[in-house]
């Protein structure tokens, strides 16, 4: 039997937060993602083109959902990390945009391959990176 085709992309990424409203303001108003679904006190799903950023309250998702949600309990502690793919040539525009929203750039790193990454913290202290796809030698 032939093996299936390897996945072509990450469909969803999860981070854990303690305040869904603060997360909605950061990822919606500043990052520009669109809210897709919310379960108060449990989760907030934000859409980024063809992927979902799933923001969970760990205490809520560690508990069995008693059939309400078809996924096993999960959760994490401590800051996570997500990197958003930004359009080529827009790193400086992102730096200005973040500064205009009083978001501190924690690290502004120039990689050996010429890509520049901006690192900030979301309200839950997750590490949020902005970089062009060529960071990983992707064309787009």
C-alpha atoms as a PDB file:
ATOM      1  CA  UNK A   1       0.000   0.000   0.000  1.00  0.00           C
ATOM      2  CA  UNK A   2       1.339   3.435  -0.948  1.00  0.00           C
ATOM      3  CA  UNK A   3       1.849   6.054   1.723  1.00  0.00           C
ATOM      4  CA  UNK A   4      -0.437   9.093   1.580  1.00  0.00           C
ATOM      5  CA  UNK A   5       0.842  12.412   0.255  1.00  0.00           C
ATOM      6  CA  UNK A   6       2.590  14.400   3.010  1.00  0.00           C
ATOM      7  CA  UNK A   7       0.648  17.433   4.291  1.00  0.00           C
ATOM      8  CA  UNK A   8       1.135  20.557   2.206  1.00  0.00           C
ATOM      9  CA  UNK A   9       0.684  23.105   4.997  1.00  0.00           C
ATOM     10  CA  UNK A  10      -0.303  23.593   8.611  1.00  0.00           C
ATOM     11  CA  UNK A  11      -4.079  23.975   8.745  1.00  0.00           C
ATOM     12  CA  UNK A  12      -4.360  25.237  12.289  1.00  0.00           C
ATOM     13  CA  UNK A  13      -2.079  26.393  15.083  1.00  0.00           C
ATOM     14  CA  UNK A  14      -3.011  26.607  18.751  1.00  0.00           C
ATOM     15  CA  UNK A  15      -1.849  29.034  21.404  1.00  0.00           C
ATOM     16  CA  UNK A  16      -3.071  29.281  24.965  1.00  0.00           C
ATOM     17  CA  UNK A  17      -4.257  32.579  26.430  1.00  0.00           C
ATOM     18  CA  UNK A  18      -5.853  33.746  29.647  1.00  0.00           C
ATOM     19  CA  UNK A  19      -8.043  36.539  28.243  1.00  0.00           C
ATOM     20  CA  UNK A  20     -10.007  35.920  25.034  1.00  0.00           C
ATOM     21  CA  UNK A  21     -11.057  39.566  24.693  1.00  0.00           C
ATOM     22  CA  UNK A  22      -7.448  40.804  24.924  1.00  0.00           C
ATOM     23  CA  UNK A  23      -6.429  38.116  22.415  1.00  0.00           C
ATOM     24  CA  UNK A  24      -9.243  39.198  20.060  1.00  0.00           C
ATOM     25  CA  UNK A  25      -8.087  42.813  20.199  1.00  0.00           C
ATOM     26  CA  UNK A  26      -4.439  41.893  19.545  1.00  0.00           C
ATOM     27  CA  UNK A  27      -4.972  39.335  16.775  1.00  0.00           C
ATOM     28  CA  UNK A  28      -7.934  41.183  15.259  1.00  0.00           C
ATOM     29  CA  UNK A  29      -7.194  44.904  15.613  1.00  0.00           C
ATOM     30  CA  UNK A  30      -3.391  44.758  15.383  1.00  0.00           C
ATOM     31  CA  UNK A  31      -2.509  41.618  13.415  1.00  0.00           C
ATOM     32  CA  UNK A  32      -5.599  41.900  11.207  1.00  0.00           C
ATOM     33  CA  UNK A  33      -7.014  38.376  11.501  1.00  0.00           C
ATOM     34  CA  UNK A  34     -10.754  37.836  11.256  1.00  0.00           C
ATOM     35  CA  UNK A  35     -12.672  36.264  14.119  1.00  0.00           C
ATOM     36  CA  UNK A  36     -14.236  33.006  12.942  1.00  0.00           C
ATOM     37  CA  UNK A  37     -15.717  31.426  16.066  1.00  0.00           C
ATOM     38  CA  UNK A  38     -15.837  32.014  19.787  1.00  0.00           C
ATOM     39  CA  UNK A  39     -16.936  29.917  22.753  1.00  0.00           C
ATOM     40  CA  UNK A  40     -16.893  32.335  25.714  1.00  0.00           C
ATOM     41  CA  UNK A  41     -14.456  31.257  28.408  1.00  0.00           C
ATOM     42  CA  UNK A  42     -13.044  28.461  26.224  1.00  0.00           C
ATOM     43  CA  UNK A  43     -11.732  29.426  22.784  1.00  0.00           C
ATOM     44  CA  UNK A  44     -11.435  31.970  20.004  1.00  0.00           C
ATOM     45  CA  UNK A  45     -10.634  30.954  16.427  1.00  0.00           C
ATOM     46  CA  UNK A  46      -9.086  33.572  14.119  1.00  0.00           C
ATOM     47  CA  UNK A  47      -8.742  33.124  10.345  1.00  0.00           C
ATOM     48  CA  UNK A  48      -5.462  33.867   8.527  1.00  0.00           C
ATOM     49  CA  UNK A  49      -6.019  33.274   4.786  1.00  0.00           C
ATOM     50  CA  UNK A  50      -5.996  29.463   4.559  1.00  0.00           C
ATOM     51  CA  UNK A  51      -5.139  28.676   8.186  1.00  0.00           C
ATOM     52  CA  UNK A  52      -6.748  29.061  11.578  1.00  0.00           C
ATOM     53  CA  UNK A  53      -5.135  30.447  14.705  1.00  0.00           C
ATOM     54  CA  UNK A  54      -6.892  28.719  17.572  1.00  0.00           C
ATOM     55  CA  UNK A  55      -6.646  30.545  20.887  1.00  0.00           C
ATOM     56  CA  UNK A  56      -7.640  28.440  23.887  1.00  0.00           C
ATOM     57  CA  UNK A  57      -8.032  29.029  27.597  1.00  0.00           C
ATOM     58  CA  UNK A  58      -6.000  26.076  28.882  1.00  0.00           C
ATOM     59  CA  UNK A  59      -8.020  25.560  32.056  1.00  0.00           C
ATOM     60  CA  UNK A  60     -11.185  25.156  29.975  1.00  0.00           C
ATOM     61  CA  UNK A  61      -9.746  22.876  27.296  1.00  0.00           C
ATOM     62  CA  UNK A  62      -8.034  20.600  29.821  1.00  0.00           C
ATOM     63  CA  UNK A  63     -11.509  19.528  30.975  1.00  0.00           C
ATOM     64  CA  UNK A  64     -13.521  16.943  29.016  1.00  0.00           C
ATOM     65  CA  UNK A  65     -16.162  18.734  26.956  1.00  0.00           C
ATOM     66  CA  UNK A  66     -18.818  16.080  27.686  1.00  0.00           C
ATOM     67  CA  UNK A  67     -19.505  15.702  23.973  1.00  0.00           C
ATOM     68  CA  UNK A  68     -19.912  19.412  23.246  1.00  0.00           C
ATOM     69  CA  UNK A  69     -16.638  19.565  21.295  1.00  0.00           C
ATOM     70  CA  UNK A  70     -15.380  16.495  19.371  1.00  0.00           C
ATOM     71  CA  UNK A  71     -11.760  16.769  20.519  1.00  0.00           C
ATOM     72  CA  UNK A  72      -9.878  15.276  23.459  1.00  0.00           C
ATOM     73  CA  UNK A  73      -8.851  17.546  26.341  1.00  0.00           C
ATOM     74  CA  UNK A  74      -5.626  19.496  25.786  1.00  0.00           C
ATOM     75  CA  UNK A  75      -3.721  22.448  27.181  1.00  0.00           C
ATOM     76  CA  UNK A  76      -0.279  23.922  27.671  1.00  0.00           C
ATOM     77  CA  UNK A  77       1.497  26.176  30.121  1.00  0.00           C
ATOM     78  CA  UNK A  78       4.000  28.903  29.402  1.00  0.00           C
ATOM     79  CA  UNK A  79       4.498  31.032  26.326  1.00  0.00           C
ATOM     80  CA  UNK A  80       4.069  29.444  22.915  1.00  0.00           C
ATOM     81  CA  UNK A  81       5.240  30.680  19.531  1.00  0.00           C
ATOM     82  CA  UNK A  82       3.650  31.437  16.183  1.00  0.00           C
ATOM     83  CA  UNK A  83       5.214  32.989  13.083  1.00  0.00           C
ATOM     84  CA  UNK A  84       3.021  34.853  10.603  1.00  0.00           C
ATOM     85  CA  UNK A  85       4.065  34.870   6.952  1.00  0.00           C
ATOM     86  CA  UNK A  86       4.111  38.470   5.765  1.00  0.00           C
ATOM     87  CA  UNK A  87       4.314  39.752   2.208  1.00  0.00           C
ATOM     88  CA  UNK A  88       7.754  40.288   0.678  1.00  0.00           C
ATOM     89  CA  UNK A  89       9.125  43.744   1.387  1.00  0.00           C
ATOM     90  CA  UNK A  90       6.635  44.569   4.173  1.00  0.00           C
ATOM     91  CA  UNK A  91       8.790  43.978   7.249  1.00  0.00           C
ATOM     92  CA  UNK A  92       9.466  47.675   7.810  1.00  0.00           C
ATOM     93  CA  UNK A  93       5.765  48.494   7.317  1.00  0.00           C
ATOM     94  CA  UNK A  94       4.972  45.897  10.002  1.00  0.00           C
ATOM     95  CA  UNK A  95       7.568  47.442  12.326  1.00  0.00           C
ATOM     96  CA  UNK A  96       5.911  50.861  11.915  1.00  0.00           C
ATOM     97  CA  UNK A  97       2.409  49.367  12.304  1.00  0.00           C
ATOM     98  CA  UNK A  98       3.342  47.594  15.529  1.00  0.00           C
ATOM     99  CA  UNK A  99       4.995  50.736  16.923  1.00  0.00           C
ATOM    100  CA  UNK A 100       1.895  52.773  16.052  1.00  0.00           C
ATOM    101  CA  UNK A 101      -0.127  50.348  18.190  1.00  0.00           C
ATOM    102  CA  UNK A 102       2.381  50.552  21.083  1.00  0.00           C
ATOM    103  CA  UNK A 103       3.473  46.955  20.543  1.00  0.00           C
ATOM    104  CA  UNK A 104       7.110  46.600  21.540  1.00  0.00           C
ATOM    105  CA  UNK A 105       9.354  44.692  19.141  1.00  0.00           C
ATOM    106  CA  UNK A 106      11.217  42.352  21.461  1.00  0.00           C
ATOM    107  CA  UNK A 107      13.690  41.230  18.788  1.00  0.00           C
ATOM    108  CA  UNK A 108      14.458  42.476  15.285  1.00  0.00           C
ATOM    109  CA  UNK A 109      16.623  39.738  13.829  1.00  0.00           C
ATOM    110  CA  UNK A 110      18.375  39.521  10.460  1.00  0.00           C
ATOM    111  CA  UNK A 111      18.856  35.870   9.501  1.00  0.00           C
ATOM    112  CA  UNK A 112      21.920  34.686   7.516  1.00  0.00           C
ATOM    113  CA  UNK A 113      19.740  34.213   4.410  1.00  0.00           C
ATOM    114  CA  UNK A 114      18.773  37.916   4.452  1.00  0.00           C
ATOM    115  CA  UNK A 115      15.307  37.577   5.974  1.00  0.00           C
ATOM    116  CA  UNK A 116      14.368  39.883   8.814  1.00  0.00           C
ATOM    117  CA  UNK A 117      12.082  38.660  11.609  1.00  0.00           C
ATOM    118  CA  UNK A 118      10.170  40.819  14.049  1.00  0.00           C
ATOM    119  CA  UNK A 119       9.255  39.276  17.402  1.00  0.00           C
ATOM    120  CA  UNK A 120       6.602  40.697  19.740  1.00  0.00           C
ATOM    121  CA  UNK A 121       4.535  39.372  22.659  1.00  0.00           C
ATOM    122  CA  UNK A 122       0.781  38.993  22.641  1.00  0.00           C
ATOM    123  CA  UNK A 123      -1.221  39.853  25.797  1.00  0.00           C
ATOM    124  CA  UNK A 124      -0.696  36.269  27.100  1.00  0.00           C
ATOM    125  CA  UNK A 125       3.091  36.598  26.537  1.00  0.00           C
ATOM    126  CA  UNK A 126       3.176  34.188  23.567  1.00  0.00           C
ATOM    127  CA  UNK A 127       6.037  34.924  21.162  1.00  0.00           C
ATOM    128  CA  UNK A 128       4.625  36.235  17.877  1.00  0.00           C
ATOM    129  CA  UNK A 129       6.961  36.459  14.886  1.00  0.00           C
ATOM    130  CA  UNK A 130       6.461  38.198  11.539  1.00  0.00           C
ATOM    131  CA  UNK A 131       8.669  37.031   8.641  1.00  0.00           C
ATOM    132  CA  UNK A 132       8.653  36.511   4.892  1.00  0.00           C
ATOM    133  CA  UNK A 133       8.184  32.938   3.635  1.00  0.00           C
ATOM    134  CA  UNK A 134      11.708  32.924   2.200  1.00  0.00           C
ATOM    135  CA  UNK A 135      12.887  32.522   5.815  1.00  0.00           C
ATOM    136  CA  UNK A 136      12.374  28.804   5.108  1.00  0.00           C
ATOM    137  CA  UNK A 137      13.192  29.026   1.377  1.00  0.00           C
ATOM    138  CA  UNK A 138       9.529  29.100   0.362  1.00  0.00           C
ATOM    139  CA  UNK A 139       8.834  31.144  -2.769  1.00  0.00           C
ATOM    140  CA  UNK A 140       5.657  32.782  -1.506  1.00  0.00           C
END
